[in-house]
Amino acid sequence: MATVTFLVHPERPDALALAIDTAAWLTERGDVARILQFSGPDQVSEDGVAVELADVDFGGTTVAVSLGGDGTFLRVVRLAATEDVPVLGVNFGRLGYLPDLLPDQVRGALTKVFAGKAIIESRCALDVSISDRSGSDDVTALLALNEVVIEKIDFGHTVRLATTVDGEEALTYSADGLIIATPTGSTAYNLSAGGPILAPTLRAMVLTPVAPHFSLDRSLVLTEDQEVTVEIVPDRSGVLVIDGLEIGRLQPGASITCTVAERPVRVVRNEPQTFGGILRFRLLAERNQ
């Protein structure tokens, strides 16, 4: 008996309808289905009851199904990664780079997962530690599948960001921001900022400055064994964004440390993604925007 957890975009009634229909099919098969609908930045609704994201239990889940766009998929990945649950993405968004299944393909994809015949890719993620975000000594730990971005706040000004690699001082950037991307995220904001595309199966991260002012404008690729720390240099604050979600402001002296996560994120694919296919998809998407 399999257990499937559906996580649904809050403003897509068609996605909710698909979840309900597929859940009924699963129940008829003798499987278990849960439907969670995002209802706020840190909350979901299950059977009409509000549940904090931190309290959502994925224990025993066979596969998590994301019903929405790339943003929904990234939120589901962070939740499912706590229990090493694979994520199947159904695209109800505009572009759908991460969730590559169409609504009418869900039952077939789930059947393959249950039979052990699904294509499940392992994608590198980043462990992110945020120190002194609110003026305390607390450290917040988060996960990023695409990228970590530290950006300026004040219009017309840059933010100064001092980096250390493996404890050794590296570069200090005066820029609009700094991107720390995974191979999966290297084709997103990193690419738009002039960074390189990394093969999706690499375990690495790439640092790319955004509009640097009198600073090195080249990207830096680090291995899975390296650690990078970024500190906000006085006297301007910055803002931290992880996978498109604003985490909060960073005061001068705050720091963010990124390492390649030991355990990869597992993603269910409709068909294998080749490096050439990813290149063509992203370049065509950039051209059509």
C-alpha atoms as a PDB file:
ATOM      1  CA  MET A   1       0.000   0.000   0.000  1.00  0.00           C
ATOM      2  CA  ALA A   2       1.378   3.360  -1.051  1.00  0.00           C
ATOM      3  CA  THR A   3       0.873   6.762   0.569  1.00  0.00           C
ATOM      4  CA  VAL A   4       0.718   9.825  -1.704  1.00  0.00           C
ATOM      5  CA  THR A   5       0.766  13.386  -0.362  1.00  0.00           C
ATOM      6  CA  PHE A   6      -0.583  16.059  -2.722  1.00  0.00           C
ATOM      7  CA  LEU A   7       0.457  19.681  -2.193  1.00  0.00           C
ATOM      8  CA  VAL A   8      -1.641  22.148  -4.143  1.00  0.00           C
ATOM      9  CA  HIS A   9      -1.241  25.758  -5.264  1.00  0.00           C
ATOM     10  CA  PRO A  10      -3.777  27.877  -3.330  1.00  0.00           C
ATOM     11  CA  GLU A  11      -5.152  29.705  -6.377  1.00  0.00           C
ATOM     12  CA  ARG A  12      -5.520  26.867  -8.866  1.00  0.00           C
ATOM     13  CA  PRO A  13      -8.949  25.196  -8.593  1.00  0.00           C
ATOM     14  CA  ASP A  14      -8.033  22.966 -11.532  1.00  0.00           C
ATOM     15  CA  ALA A  15      -5.034  21.681  -9.564  1.00  0.00           C
ATOM     16  CA  LEU A  16      -7.218  20.979  -6.526  1.00  0.00           C
ATOM     17  CA  ALA A  17      -9.750  19.170  -8.725  1.00  0.00           C
ATOM     18  CA  LEU A  18      -6.995  16.945 -10.113  1.00  0.00           C
ATOM     19  CA  ALA A  19      -5.776  16.162  -6.587  1.00  0.00           C
ATOM     20  CA  ILE A  20      -9.276  15.178  -5.486  1.00  0.00           C
ATOM     21  CA  ASP A  21      -9.849  13.028  -8.577  1.00  0.00           C
ATOM     22  CA  THR A  22      -6.482  11.271  -8.299  1.00  0.00           C
ATOM     23  CA  ALA A  23      -6.953  10.745  -4.556  1.00  0.00           C
ATOM     24  CA  ALA A  24     -10.273   8.971  -5.266  1.00  0.00           C
ATOM     25  CA  TRP A  25      -8.512   6.713  -7.795  1.00  0.00           C
ATOM     26  CA  LEU A  26      -5.804   5.896  -5.245  1.00  0.00           C
ATOM     27  CA  THR A  27      -8.365   5.075  -2.570  1.00  0.00           C
ATOM     28  CA  GLU A  28     -10.104   2.678  -4.952  1.00  0.00           C
ATOM     29  CA  ARG A  29      -6.750   0.941  -5.430  1.00  0.00           C
ATOM     30  CA  GLY A  30      -6.365   0.532  -1.672  1.00  0.00           C
ATOM     31  CA  ASP A  31      -3.715   3.247  -1.341  1.00  0.00           C
ATOM     32  CA  VAL A  32      -3.689   6.255   0.988  1.00  0.00           C
ATOM     33  CA  ALA A  33      -3.941   9.866  -0.222  1.00  0.00           C
ATOM     34  CA  ARG A  34      -3.530  13.181   1.627  1.00  0.00           C
ATOM     35  CA  ILE A  35      -4.357  16.568   0.122  1.00  0.00           C
ATOM     36  CA  LEU A  36      -2.610  19.649   1.525  1.00  0.00           C
ATOM     37  CA  GLN A  37      -3.346  23.066   0.032  1.00  0.00           C
ATOM     38  CA  PHE A  38      -0.977  25.951   0.650  1.00  0.00           C
ATOM     39  CA  SER A  39      -2.860  28.693   2.516  1.00  0.00           C
ATOM     40  CA  GLY A  40      -0.050  31.083   3.457  1.00  0.00           C
ATOM     41  CA  PRO A  41       3.739  31.476   3.455  1.00  0.00           C
ATOM     42  CA  ASP A  42       4.133  29.021   6.358  1.00  0.00           C
ATOM     43  CA  GLN A  43       0.837  27.180   6.394  1.00  0.00           C
ATOM     44  CA  VAL A  44      -1.208  24.511   4.624  1.00  0.00           C
ATOM     45  CA  SER A  45      -4.802  23.381   4.977  1.00  0.00           C
ATOM     46  CA  GLU A  46      -5.684  19.675   5.344  1.00  0.00           C
ATOM     47  CA  ASP A  47      -9.341  18.657   5.558  1.00  0.00           C
ATOM     48  CA  GLY A  48     -10.212  22.274   6.348  1.00  0.00           C
ATOM     49  CA  VAL A  49      -7.750  22.458   9.259  1.00  0.00           C
ATOM     50  CA  ALA A  50      -4.818  24.894   9.166  1.00  0.00           C
ATOM     51  CA  VAL A  51      -1.439  23.269   9.776  1.00  0.00           C
ATOM     52  CA  GLU A  52       1.923  24.997  10.159  1.00  0.00           C
ATOM     53  CA  LEU A  53       4.472  23.848   7.583  1.00  0.00           C
ATOM     54  CA  ALA A  54       6.885  22.948  10.378  1.00  0.00           C
ATOM     55  CA  ASP A  55       4.305  20.471  11.706  1.00  0.00           C
ATOM     56  CA  VAL A  56       3.637  18.668   8.409  1.00  0.00           C
ATOM     57  CA  ASP A  57       4.763  15.048   8.763  1.00  0.00           C
ATOM     58  CA  PHE A  58       5.991  13.259   5.635  1.00  0.00           C
ATOM     59  CA  GLY A  59       6.864  10.071   7.486  1.00  0.00           C
ATOM     60  CA  GLY A  60       5.562   7.063   5.567  1.00  0.00           C
ATOM     61  CA  THR A  61       4.923   9.036   2.374  1.00  0.00           C
ATOM     62  CA  THR A  62       5.841   7.104  -0.771  1.00  0.00           C
ATOM     63  CA  VAL A  63       5.843  10.131  -3.074  1.00  0.00           C
ATOM     64  CA  ALA A  64       4.900  13.801  -2.790  1.00  0.00           C
ATOM     65  CA  VAL A  65       3.005  15.355  -5.695  1.00  0.00           C
ATOM     66  CA  SER A  66       3.362  19.077  -6.392  1.00  0.00           C
ATOM     67  CA  LEU A  67       0.415  20.628  -8.244  1.00  0.00           C
ATOM     68  CA  GLY A  68       1.307  24.141  -9.405  1.00  0.00           C
ATOM     69  CA  GLY A  69       4.292  25.846 -11.002  1.00  0.00           C
ATOM     70  CA  ASP A  70       7.991  26.093 -10.218  1.00  0.00           C
ATOM     71  CA  GLY A  71       7.351  28.043  -6.999  1.00  0.00           C
ATOM     72  CA  THR A  72       5.021  25.369  -5.625  1.00  0.00           C
ATOM     73  CA  PHE A  73       7.497  22.661  -6.604  1.00  0.00           C
ATOM     74  CA  LEU A  74      10.354  24.342  -4.744  1.00  0.00           C
ATOM     75  CA  ARG A  75       8.237  24.647  -1.595  1.00  0.00           C
ATOM     76  CA  VAL A  76       7.296  20.968  -1.765  1.00  0.00           C
ATOM     77  CA  VAL A  77      10.929  19.938  -2.246  1.00  0.00           C
ATOM     78  CA  ARG A  78      11.957  21.629   1.007  1.00  0.00           C
ATOM     79  CA  LEU A  79       9.200  19.815   2.900  1.00  0.00           C
ATOM     80  CA  ALA A  80       9.745  16.391   1.338  1.00  0.00           C
ATOM     81  CA  ALA A  81      13.531  16.496   1.734  1.00  0.00           C
ATOM     82  CA  THR A  82      13.211  16.087   5.514  1.00  0.00           C
ATOM     83  CA  GLU A  83      12.136  12.460   4.970  1.00  0.00           C
ATOM     84  CA  ASP A  84      13.974  11.818   1.685  1.00  0.00           C
ATOM     85  CA  VAL A  85      10.641  11.576  -0.161  1.00  0.00           C
ATOM     86  CA  PRO A  86      10.768  11.847  -3.981  1.00  0.00           C
ATOM     87  CA  VAL A  87       8.778  14.712  -5.519  1.00  0.00           C
ATOM     88  CA  LEU A  88       6.629  14.411  -8.630  1.00  0.00           C
ATOM     89  CA  GLY A  89       5.800  17.760 -10.227  1.00  0.00           C
ATOM     90  CA  VAL A  90       2.631  18.440 -12.227  1.00  0.00           C
ATOM     91  CA  ASN A  91       2.820  21.707 -14.117  1.00  0.00           C
ATOM     92  CA  PHE A  92      -0.037  24.188 -13.788  1.00  0.00           C
ATOM     93  CA  GLY A  93       2.258  27.199 -14.231  1.00  0.00           C
ATOM     94  CA  ARG A  94       3.416  29.137 -17.271  1.00  0.00           C
ATOM     95  CA  LEU A  95       6.878  27.710 -17.932  1.00  0.00           C
ATOM     96  CA  GLY A  96       7.163  24.574 -15.817  1.00  0.00           C
ATOM     97  CA  TYR A  97      10.907  23.933 -15.981  1.00  0.00           C
ATOM     98  CA  LEU A  98      10.995  21.901 -12.760  1.00  0.00           C
ATOM     99  CA  PRO A  99       7.580  20.161 -12.807  1.00  0.00           C
ATOM    100  CA  ASP A 100       7.520  18.471 -16.209  1.00  0.00           C
ATOM    101  CA  LEU A 101       4.378  16.319 -16.013  1.00  0.00           C
ATOM    102  CA  LEU A 102       1.072  17.259 -17.597  1.00  0.00           C
ATOM    103  CA  PRO A 103      -2.163  16.701 -15.625  1.00  0.00           C
ATOM    104  CA  ASP A 104      -3.229  13.718 -17.728  1.00  0.00           C
ATOM    105  CA  GLN A 105       0.089  11.962 -17.043  1.00  0.00           C
ATOM    106  CA  VAL A 106      -0.253  11.787 -13.251  1.00  0.00           C
ATOM    107  CA  ARG A 107      -1.828   8.338 -12.921  1.00  0.00           C
ATOM    108  CA  GLY A 108       0.684   6.747 -15.255  1.00  0.00           C
ATOM    109  CA  ALA A 109       3.593   8.392 -13.445  1.00  0.00           C
ATOM    110  CA  LEU A 110       2.324   7.244 -10.031  1.00  0.00           C
ATOM    111  CA  THR A 111       1.849   3.704 -11.331  1.00  0.00           C
ATOM    112  CA  LYS A 112       5.506   3.677 -12.397  1.00  0.00           C
ATOM    113  CA  VAL A 113       6.588   4.960  -8.975  1.00  0.00           C
ATOM    114  CA  PHE A 114       4.664   2.179  -7.205  1.00  0.00           C
ATOM    115  CA  ALA A 115       6.155  -0.438  -9.549  1.00  0.00           C
ATOM    116  CA  GLY A 116       9.700   0.847  -9.032  1.00  0.00           C
ATOM    117  CA  LYS A 117      10.004   1.787 -12.719  1.00  0.00           C
ATOM    118  CA  ALA A 118       9.935   5.587 -12.441  1.00  0.00           C
ATOM    119  CA  ILE A 119      12.800   7.823 -13.517  1.00  0.00           C
ATOM    120  CA  ILE A 120      14.022   9.439 -10.293  1.00  0.00           C
ATOM    121  CA  GLU A 121      16.827  11.978 -10.607  1.00  0.00           C
ATOM    122  CA  SER A 122      19.080  12.996  -7.730  1.00  0.00           C
ATOM    123  CA  ARG A 123      19.604  16.752  -7.659  1.00  0.00           C
ATOM    124  CA  CYS A 124      22.197  18.583  -5.591  1.00  0.00           C
ATOM    125  CA  ALA A 125      20.827  21.009  -2.974  1.00  0.00           C
ATOM    126  CA  LEU A 126      22.447  23.510  -0.622  1.00  0.00           C
ATOM    127  CA  ASP A 127      22.417  23.497   3.148  1.00  0.00           C
ATOM    128  CA  VAL A 128      22.093  27.141   4.189  1.00  0.00           C
ATOM    129  CA  SER A 129      22.919  28.467   7.650  1.00  0.00           C
ATOM    130  CA  ILE A 130      21.890  32.018   8.548  1.00  0.00           C
ATOM    131  CA  SER A 131      23.647  33.558  11.512  1.00  0.00           C
ATOM    132  CA  ASP A 132      22.556  36.666  13.431  1.00  0.00           C
ATOM    133  CA  ARG A 133      19.650  37.400  11.075  1.00  0.00           C
ATOM    134  CA  SER A 134      17.609  39.202  13.758  1.00  0.00           C
ATOM    135  CA  GLY A 135      20.378  40.528  15.951  1.00  0.00           C
ATOM    136  CA  SER A 136      20.535  37.382  18.104  1.00  0.00           C
ATOM    137  CA  ASP A 137      22.993  34.499  18.195  1.00  0.00           C
ATOM    138  CA  ASP A 138      20.480  32.067  16.711  1.00  0.00           C
ATOM    139  CA  VAL A 139      21.371  30.098  13.591  1.00  0.00           C
ATOM    140  CA  THR A 140      18.635  29.209  11.118  1.00  0.00           C
ATOM    141  CA  ALA A 141      19.135  26.199   8.815  1.00  0.00           C
ATOM    142  CA  LEU A 142      17.341  26.013   5.453  1.00  0.00           C
ATOM    143  CA  LEU A 143      17.559  24.092   2.175  1.00  0.00           C
ATOM    144  CA  ALA A 144      17.888  25.507  -1.351  1.00  0.00           C
ATOM    145  CA  LEU A 145      17.344  23.552  -4.565  1.00  0.00           C
ATOM    146  CA  ASN A 146      17.832  26.462  -6.996  1.00  0.00           C
ATOM    147  CA  GLU A 147      19.755  29.319  -5.433  1.00  0.00           C
ATOM    148  CA  VAL A 148      20.534  31.565  -2.517  1.00  0.00           C
ATOM    149  CA  VAL A 149      20.511  35.282  -3.330  1.00  0.00           C
ATOM    150  CA  ILE A 150      21.707  38.148  -1.161  1.00  0.00           C
ATOM    151  CA  GLU A 151      20.499  41.433  -2.637  1.00  0.00           C
ATOM    152  CA  LYS A 152      20.661  45.126  -1.952  1.00  0.00           C
ATOM    153  CA  ILE A 153      17.709  46.912  -0.368  1.00  0.00           C
ATOM    154  CA  ASP A 154      18.319  50.586  -1.055  1.00  0.00           C
ATOM    155  CA  PHE A 155      17.572  51.809  -4.561  1.00  0.00           C
ATOM    156  CA  GLY A 156      20.592  53.444  -6.186  1.00  0.00           C
ATOM    157  CA  HIS A 157      23.049  51.822  -3.779  1.00  0.00           C
ATOM    158  CA  THR A 158      25.043  48.609  -3.753  1.00  0.00           C
ATOM    159  CA  VAL A 159      25.503  46.127  -0.938  1.00  0.00           C
ATOM    160  CA  ARG A 160      28.979  45.026   0.164  1.00  0.00           C
ATOM    161  CA  LEU A 161      29.439  41.290   0.612  1.00  0.00           C
ATOM    162  CA  ALA A 162      32.618  39.705   1.968  1.00  0.00           C
ATOM    163  CA  THR A 163      33.154  36.043   1.061  1.00  0.00           C
ATOM    164  CA  THR A 164      35.318  33.378   2.640  1.00  0.00           C
ATOM    165  CA  VAL A 165      35.921  29.941   1.139  1.00  0.00           C
ATOM    166  CA  ASP A 166      36.826  27.131   3.535  1.00  0.00           C
ATOM    167  CA  GLY A 167      37.586  29.732   6.194  1.00  0.00           C
ATOM    168  CA  GLU A 168      39.977  31.734   4.013  1.00  0.00           C
ATOM    169  CA  GLU A 169      39.161  35.280   2.916  1.00  0.00           C
ATOM    170  CA  ALA A 170      38.277  35.395  -0.769  1.00  0.00           C
ATOM    171  CA  LEU A 171      36.564  38.356  -2.442  1.00  0.00           C
ATOM    172  CA  THR A 172      34.545  41.335  -1.255  1.00  0.00           C
ATOM    173  CA  TYR A 173      31.862  42.352  -3.731  1.00  0.00           C
ATOM    174  CA  SER A 174      30.245  45.759  -4.078  1.00  0.00           C
ATOM    175  CA  ALA A 175      27.251  44.826  -6.181  1.00  0.00           C
ATOM    176  CA  ASP A 176      23.492  44.665  -6.532  1.00  0.00           C
ATOM    177  CA  GLY A 177      23.719  41.168  -5.100  1.00  0.00           C
ATOM    178  CA  LEU A 178      25.361  37.768  -5.083  1.00  0.00           C
ATOM    179  CA  ILE A 179      23.898  34.466  -6.309  1.00  0.00           C
ATOM    180  CA  ILE A 180      24.956  31.076  -4.943  1.00  0.00           C
ATOM    181  CA  ALA A 181      23.367  28.529  -7.259  1.00  0.00           C
ATOM    182  CA  THR A 182      23.170  24.764  -7.546  1.00  0.00           C
ATOM    183  CA  PRO A 183      23.547  23.027 -10.926  1.00  0.00           C
ATOM    184  CA  THR A 184      19.729  22.947 -11.122  1.00  0.00           C
ATOM    185  CA  GLY A 185      19.565  26.669 -10.368  1.00  0.00           C
ATOM    186  CA  SER A 186      22.447  27.526 -12.693  1.00  0.00           C
ATOM    187  CA  THR A 187      19.965  27.857 -15.568  1.00  0.00           C
ATOM    188  CA  ALA A 188      17.777  30.342 -13.671  1.00  0.00           C
ATOM    189  CA  TYR A 189      18.837  33.703 -12.145  1.00  0.00           C
ATOM    190  CA  ASN A 190      22.499  32.685 -12.385  1.00  0.00           C
ATOM    191  CA  LEU A 191      22.234  32.338 -16.172  1.00  0.00           C
ATOM    192  CA  SER A 192      20.452  35.682 -16.506  1.00  0.00           C
ATOM    193  CA  ALA A 193      23.267  37.316 -14.519  1.00  0.00           C
ATOM    194  CA  GLY A 194      25.888  35.930 -16.898  1.00  0.00           C
ATOM    195  CA  GLY A 195      26.863  32.853 -14.902  1.00  0.00           C
ATOM    196  CA  PRO A 196      27.757  29.453 -16.391  1.00  0.00           C
ATOM    197  CA  ILE A 197      25.411  26.519 -16.888  1.00  0.00           C
ATOM    198  CA  LEU A 198      26.454  23.498 -14.827  1.00  0.00           C
ATOM    199  CA  ALA A 199      25.594  19.933 -15.796  1.00  0.00           C
ATOM    200  CA  PRO A 200      22.588  18.943 -13.644  1.00  0.00           C
ATOM    201  CA  THR A 201      24.251  15.833 -12.192  1.00  0.00           C
ATOM    202  CA  LEU A 202      27.232  17.760 -10.801  1.00  0.00           C
ATOM    203  CA  ARG A 203      27.578  18.163  -7.040  1.00  0.00           C
ATOM    204  CA  ALA A 204      28.837  21.714  -6.934  1.00  0.00           C
ATOM    205  CA  MET A 205      27.782  25.346  -6.490  1.00  0.00           C
ATOM    206  CA  VAL A 206      28.487  28.514  -8.422  1.00  0.00           C
ATOM    207  CA  LEU A 207      28.861  32.078  -7.109  1.00  0.00           C
ATOM    208  CA  THR A 208      27.857  34.855  -9.502  1.00  0.00           C
ATOM    209  CA  PRO A 209      27.787  38.571  -8.640  1.00  0.00           C
ATOM    210  CA  VAL A 210      24.909  40.708  -9.878  1.00  0.00           C
ATOM    211  CA  ALA A 211      26.024  43.992 -11.496  1.00  0.00           C
ATOM    212  CA  PRO A 212      29.301  44.277  -9.529  1.00  0.00           C
ATOM    213  CA  HIS A 213      30.774  47.761  -9.150  1.00  0.00           C
ATOM    214  CA  PHE A 214      34.577  47.802  -9.496  1.00  0.00           C
ATOM    215  CA  SER A 215      34.586  44.142  -8.431  1.00  0.00           C
ATOM    216  CA  LEU A 216      35.396  40.883 -10.164  1.00  0.00           C
ATOM    217  CA  ASP A 217      32.519  40.149 -12.523  1.00  0.00           C
ATOM    218  CA  ARG A 218      33.366  36.487 -13.091  1.00  0.00           C
ATOM    219  CA  SER A 219      31.659  33.486 -11.526  1.00  0.00           C
ATOM    220  CA  LEU A 220      33.354  31.097  -9.132  1.00  0.00           C
ATOM    221  CA  VAL A 221      32.567  27.359  -9.170  1.00  0.00           C
ATOM    222  CA  LEU A 222      33.143  25.420  -5.940  1.00  0.00           C
ATOM    223  CA  THR A 223      33.233  21.674  -5.321  1.00  0.00           C
ATOM    224  CA  GLU A 224      30.888  19.671  -3.113  1.00  0.00           C
ATOM    225  CA  ASP A 225      33.518  19.578  -0.361  1.00  0.00           C
ATOM    226  CA  GLN A 226      33.918  23.346  -0.075  1.00  0.00           C
ATOM    227  CA  GLU A 227      32.103  25.850   2.108  1.00  0.00           C
ATOM    228  CA  VAL A 228      31.373  29.482   1.333  1.00  0.00           C
ATOM    229  CA  THR A 229      30.368  32.141   3.856  1.00  0.00           C
ATOM    230  CA  VAL A 230      29.012  35.549   2.863  1.00  0.00           C
ATOM    231  CA  GLU A 231      29.008  38.379   5.407  1.00  0.00           C
ATOM    232  CA  ILE A 232      27.111  41.659   5.098  1.00  0.00           C
ATOM    233  CA  VAL A 233      29.707  44.436   5.367  1.00  0.00           C
ATOM    234  CA  PRO A 234      28.708  47.728   7.077  1.00  0.00           C
ATOM    235  CA  ASP A 235      26.998  49.964   6.621  1.00  0.00           C
ATOM    236  CA  ARG A 236      24.139  48.806   4.371  1.00  0.00           C
ATOM    237  CA  SER A 237      21.717  45.940   4.955  1.00  0.00           C
ATOM    238  CA  GLY A 238      20.724  43.269   2.473  1.00  0.00           C
ATOM    239  CA  VAL A 239      17.842  40.900   1.900  1.00  0.00           C
ATOM    240  CA  LEU A 240      18.051  37.111   1.675  1.00  0.00           C
ATOM    241  CA  VAL A 241      16.007  35.220  -0.930  1.00  0.00           C
ATOM    242  CA  ILE A 242      16.058  31.414  -1.186  1.00  0.00           C
ATOM    243  CA  ASP A 243      14.433  29.735  -4.195  1.00  0.00           C
ATOM    244  CA  GLY A 244      12.413  32.875  -4.894  1.00  0.00           C
ATOM    245  CA  LEU A 245      11.106  33.169  -1.328  1.00  0.00           C
ATOM    246  CA  GLU A 246      12.161  36.219   0.683  1.00  0.00           C
ATOM    247  CA  ILE A 247      13.532  34.991   4.016  1.00  0.00           C
ATOM    248  CA  GLY A 248      14.241  38.363   5.627  1.00  0.00           C
ATOM    249  CA  ARG A 249      16.559  41.306   5.975  1.00  0.00           C
ATOM    250  CA  LEU A 250      20.204  40.842   6.819  1.00  0.00           C
ATOM    251  CA  GLN A 251      21.802  43.474   9.014  1.00  0.00           C
ATOM    252  CA  PRO A 252      25.514  44.351   8.753  1.00  0.00           C
ATOM    253  CA  GLY A 253      27.493  41.591  10.429  1.00  0.00           C
ATOM    254  CA  ALA A 254      25.027  38.867   9.538  1.00  0.00           C
ATOM    255  CA  SER A 255      26.417  35.910   7.601  1.00  0.00           C
ATOM    256  CA  ILE A 256      25.169  33.097   5.397  1.00  0.00           C
ATOM    257  CA  THR A 257      27.068  29.831   5.021  1.00  0.00           C
ATOM    258  CA  CYS A 258      26.388  27.433   2.145  1.00  0.00           C
ATOM    259  CA  THR A 259      27.532  23.866   1.603  1.00  0.00           C
ATOM    260  CA  VAL A 260      26.411  21.164  -0.796  1.00  0.00           C
ATOM    261  CA  ALA A 261      23.845  19.086   1.085  1.00  0.00           C
ATOM    262  CA  GLU A 262      24.996  15.550   1.851  1.00  0.00           C
ATOM    263  CA  ARG A 263      21.643  14.066   0.819  1.00  0.00           C
ATOM    264  CA  PRO A 264      20.371  14.999  -2.653  1.00  0.00           C
ATOM    265  CA  VAL A 265      16.803  15.931  -3.525  1.00  0.00           C
ATOM    266  CA  ARG A 266      14.977  13.208  -5.462  1.00  0.00           C
ATOM    267  CA  VAL A 267      12.809  14.307  -8.384  1.00  0.00           C
ATOM    268  CA  VAL A 268      10.460  12.065 -10.382  1.00  0.00           C
ATOM    269  CA  ARG A 269      10.775  12.764 -14.103  1.00  0.00           C
ATOM    270  CA  ASN A 270       8.414  12.024 -16.959  1.00  0.00           C
ATOM    271  CA  GLU A 271      11.429  11.317 -19.136  1.00  0.00           C
ATOM    272  CA  PRO A 272      15.210  11.661 -18.672  1.00  0.00           C
ATOM    273  CA  GLN A 273      16.633  15.153 -19.071  1.00  0.00           C
ATOM    274  CA  THR A 274      19.747  15.386 -21.196  1.00  0.00           C
ATOM    275  CA  PHE A 275      22.210  18.240 -20.852  1.00  0.00           C
ATOM    276  CA  GLY A 276      21.579  19.279 -24.465  1.00  0.00           C
ATOM    277  CA  GLY A 277      17.836  19.232 -23.883  1.00  0.00           C
ATOM    278  CA  ILE A 278      18.210  21.472 -20.841  1.00  0.00           C
ATOM    279  CA  LEU A 279      20.325  23.920 -22.850  1.00  0.00           C
ATOM    280  CA  ARG A 280      17.804  24.101 -25.670  1.00  0.00           C
ATOM    281  CA  PHE A 281      14.877  24.476 -23.281  1.00  0.00           C
ATOM    282  CA  ARG A 282      16.453  27.291 -21.289  1.00  0.00           C
ATOM    283  CA  LEU A 283      17.815  29.195 -24.277  1.00  0.00           C
ATOM    284  CA  LEU A 284      14.450  29.012 -26.066  1.00  0.00           C
ATOM    285  CA  ALA A 285      12.670  30.085 -22.886  1.00  0.00           C
ATOM    286  CA  GLU A 286      14.966  33.097 -22.544  1.00  0.00           C
ATOM    287  CA  ARG A 287      14.355  34.009 -26.203  1.00  0.00           C
ATOM    288  CA  ASN A 288      10.553  33.773 -25.906  1.00  0.00           C
ATOM    289  CA  GLN A 289      10.234  35.893 -22.758  1.00  0.00           C
END
